[in-house]
Amino acid sequence: MEAFEELKLFVTENRDKLAPPITIELSFTLSNANCIHDRFAIIDNELWHFGATVGGFHRDVNAVSRGWNADTHDAVQFFDTVWMMANANGKKY
């Protein structure tokens, strides 16, 4: 947790010099369905993360990562929960 706090300070302080400030938060609870901006896929029980776009057309830095076991991280349950919360709040995805 301490390492995250140090990284949060570093990113926040340096971002202020370049562009509008950003807010970095670490949360272990799901309060609403607005928490997911990036794109994700689960393929053969492997969790893929596509950053801001799958197609690579985002104007800023973007990344793709993969390799997480979807079962180990309860990814399907997490995304099902977010999907239900979004639908309950009238969001259309």
C-alpha atoms as a PDB file:
ATOM      1  CA  MET A   1       0.000   0.000   0.000  1.00  0.00           C
ATOM      2  CA  GLU A   2       2.866   2.366   0.773  1.00  0.00           C
ATOM      3  CA  ALA A   3       4.364   1.805  -2.702  1.00  0.00           C
ATOM      4  CA  PHE A   4       1.025   2.767  -4.261  1.00  0.00           C
ATOM      5  CA  GLU A   5       0.890   5.971  -2.220  1.00  0.00           C
ATOM      6  CA  GLU A   6       4.405   6.914  -3.390  1.00  0.00           C
ATOM      7  CA  LEU A   7       3.460   6.247  -7.019  1.00  0.00           C
ATOM      8  CA  LYS A   8       0.236   8.226  -6.608  1.00  0.00           C
ATOM      9  CA  LEU A   9       2.178  11.261  -5.336  1.00  0.00           C
ATOM     10  CA  PHE A  10       4.764  10.979  -8.107  1.00  0.00           C
ATOM     11  CA  VAL A  11       2.162  10.775 -10.882  1.00  0.00           C
ATOM     12  CA  THR A  12      -0.029  13.512  -9.435  1.00  0.00           C
ATOM     13  CA  GLU A  13       2.838  15.958  -8.857  1.00  0.00           C
ATOM     14  CA  ASN A  14       4.340  15.423 -12.305  1.00  0.00           C
ATOM     15  CA  ARG A  15       0.994  15.474 -14.127  1.00  0.00           C
ATOM     16  CA  ASP A  16       0.218  18.914 -12.659  1.00  0.00           C
ATOM     17  CA  LYS A  17       3.149  20.312 -14.641  1.00  0.00           C
ATOM     18  CA  LEU A  18       1.975  18.871 -17.964  1.00  0.00           C
ATOM     19  CA  ALA A  19      -1.796  19.035 -18.094  1.00  0.00           C
ATOM     20  CA  PRO A  20      -4.895  19.375 -15.947  1.00  0.00           C
ATOM     21  CA  PRO A  21      -4.505  17.508 -12.669  1.00  0.00           C
ATOM     22  CA  ILE A  22      -5.707  13.927 -12.347  1.00  0.00           C
ATOM     23  CA  THR A  23      -7.096  12.064  -9.389  1.00  0.00           C
ATOM     24  CA  ILE A  24      -5.817   8.602  -8.534  1.00  0.00           C
ATOM     25  CA  GLU A  25      -7.873   6.470  -6.189  1.00  0.00           C
ATOM     26  CA  LEU A  26      -7.581   2.951  -4.846  1.00  0.00           C
ATOM     27  CA  SER A  27     -10.883   1.350  -3.941  1.00  0.00           C
ATOM     28  CA  PHE A  28     -11.781  -2.137  -2.806  1.00  0.00           C
ATOM     29  CA  THR A  29     -15.531  -1.579  -3.127  1.00  0.00           C
ATOM     30  CA  LEU A  30     -17.824  -0.924  -6.061  1.00  0.00           C
ATOM     31  CA  SER A  31     -19.985   2.131  -5.436  1.00  0.00           C
ATOM     32  CA  ASN A  32     -21.358   2.687  -8.956  1.00  0.00           C
ATOM     33  CA  ALA A  33     -20.985   1.482 -12.529  1.00  0.00           C
ATOM     34  CA  ASN A  34     -18.971   4.508 -13.649  1.00  0.00           C
ATOM     35  CA  CYS A  35     -15.711   2.982 -12.452  1.00  0.00           C
ATOM     36  CA  ILE A  36     -14.763   1.270 -15.715  1.00  0.00           C
ATOM     37  CA  HIS A  37     -13.464   3.318 -18.612  1.00  0.00           C
ATOM     38  CA  ASP A  38     -11.088   0.861 -20.267  1.00  0.00           C
ATOM     39  CA  ARG A  39     -11.997  -2.080 -22.455  1.00  0.00           C
ATOM     40  CA  PHE A  40     -11.642  -5.689 -21.312  1.00  0.00           C
ATOM     41  CA  ALA A  41     -12.109  -9.135 -22.812  1.00  0.00           C
ATOM     42  CA  ILE A  42     -12.011 -12.644 -21.414  1.00  0.00           C
ATOM     43  CA  ILE A  43     -10.711 -15.147 -23.947  1.00  0.00           C
ATOM     44  CA  ASP A  44     -10.124 -18.782 -22.966  1.00  0.00           C
ATOM     45  CA  ASN A  45     -10.188 -17.775 -19.273  1.00  0.00           C
ATOM     46  CA  GLU A  46      -7.491 -15.142 -19.869  1.00  0.00           C
ATOM     47  CA  LEU A  47      -8.285 -11.525 -18.961  1.00  0.00           C
ATOM     48  CA  TRP A  48      -7.179  -8.963 -21.545  1.00  0.00           C
ATOM     49  CA  HIS A  49      -7.034  -5.207 -20.868  1.00  0.00           C
ATOM     50  CA  PHE A  50      -7.192  -2.830 -23.850  1.00  0.00           C
ATOM     51  CA  GLY A  51      -6.827   0.588 -22.226  1.00  0.00           C
ATOM     52  CA  ALA A  52      -8.833   3.371 -23.825  1.00  0.00           C
ATOM     53  CA  THR A  53      -9.483   1.613 -27.130  1.00  0.00           C
ATOM     54  CA  VAL A  54      -9.249  -1.792 -28.735  1.00  0.00           C
ATOM     55  CA  GLY A  55      -8.482  -0.342 -32.179  1.00  0.00           C
ATOM     56  CA  GLY A  56      -5.561   1.871 -31.179  1.00  0.00           C
ATOM     57  CA  PHE A  57      -7.150   5.164 -32.245  1.00  0.00           C
ATOM     58  CA  HIS A  58      -6.840   6.939 -28.902  1.00  0.00           C
ATOM     59  CA  ARG A  59      -4.779  10.134 -29.250  1.00  0.00           C
ATOM     60  CA  ASP A  60      -2.904   9.676 -25.959  1.00  0.00           C
ATOM     61  CA  VAL A  61      -0.770   6.864 -24.587  1.00  0.00           C
ATOM     62  CA  ASN A  62      -2.660   3.594 -24.694  1.00  0.00           C
ATOM     63  CA  ALA A  63      -1.734   0.046 -23.720  1.00  0.00           C
ATOM     64  CA  VAL A  64      -2.819  -3.559 -24.111  1.00  0.00           C
ATOM     65  CA  SER A  65      -2.007  -6.137 -21.478  1.00  0.00           C
ATOM     66  CA  ARG A  66      -2.975  -9.742 -20.909  1.00  0.00           C
ATOM     67  CA  GLY A  67      -2.172 -12.822 -18.931  1.00  0.00           C
ATOM     68  CA  TRP A  68      -4.420 -12.715 -15.873  1.00  0.00           C
ATOM     69  CA  ASN A  69      -6.418 -15.814 -15.013  1.00  0.00           C
ATOM     70  CA  ALA A  70     -10.060 -14.715 -15.130  1.00  0.00           C
ATOM     71  CA  ASP A  71     -11.162 -17.336 -12.585  1.00  0.00           C
ATOM     72  CA  THR A  72      -8.459 -16.427 -10.073  1.00  0.00           C
ATOM     73  CA  HIS A  73      -9.473 -12.757 -10.195  1.00  0.00           C
ATOM     74  CA  ASP A  74     -13.256 -13.378 -10.334  1.00  0.00           C
ATOM     75  CA  ALA A  75     -13.361 -11.283 -13.508  1.00  0.00           C
ATOM     76  CA  VAL A  76     -16.642 -12.664 -14.858  1.00  0.00           C
ATOM     77  CA  GLN A  77     -18.387 -12.045 -11.534  1.00  0.00           C
ATOM     78  CA  PHE A  78     -16.948  -8.511 -11.358  1.00  0.00           C
ATOM     79  CA  PHE A  79     -18.087  -7.564 -14.872  1.00  0.00           C
ATOM     80  CA  ASP A  80     -21.508  -9.164 -14.355  1.00  0.00           C
ATOM     81  CA  THR A  81     -21.924  -7.084 -11.177  1.00  0.00           C
ATOM     82  CA  VAL A  82     -20.913  -3.863 -12.925  1.00  0.00           C
ATOM     83  CA  TRP A  83     -23.229  -4.666 -15.844  1.00  0.00           C
ATOM     84  CA  MET A  84     -26.194  -5.222 -13.492  1.00  0.00           C
ATOM     85  CA  MET A  85     -25.407  -2.008 -11.583  1.00  0.00           C
ATOM     86  CA  ALA A  86     -25.216  -0.038 -14.820  1.00  0.00           C
ATOM     87  CA  ASN A  87     -28.551  -1.403 -16.025  1.00  0.00           C
ATOM     88  CA  ALA A  88     -30.159  -0.693 -12.645  1.00  0.00           C
ATOM     89  CA  ASN A  89     -28.925   2.922 -12.865  1.00  0.00           C
ATOM     90  CA  GLY A  90     -30.297   3.342 -16.393  1.00  0.00           C
ATOM     91  CA  LYS A  91     -26.911   3.282 -18.157  1.00  0.00           C
ATOM     92  CA  LYS A  92     -26.812   1.885 -21.677  1.00  0.00           C
ATOM     93  CA  TYR A  93     -23.660   0.018 -22.632  1.00  0.00           C
END
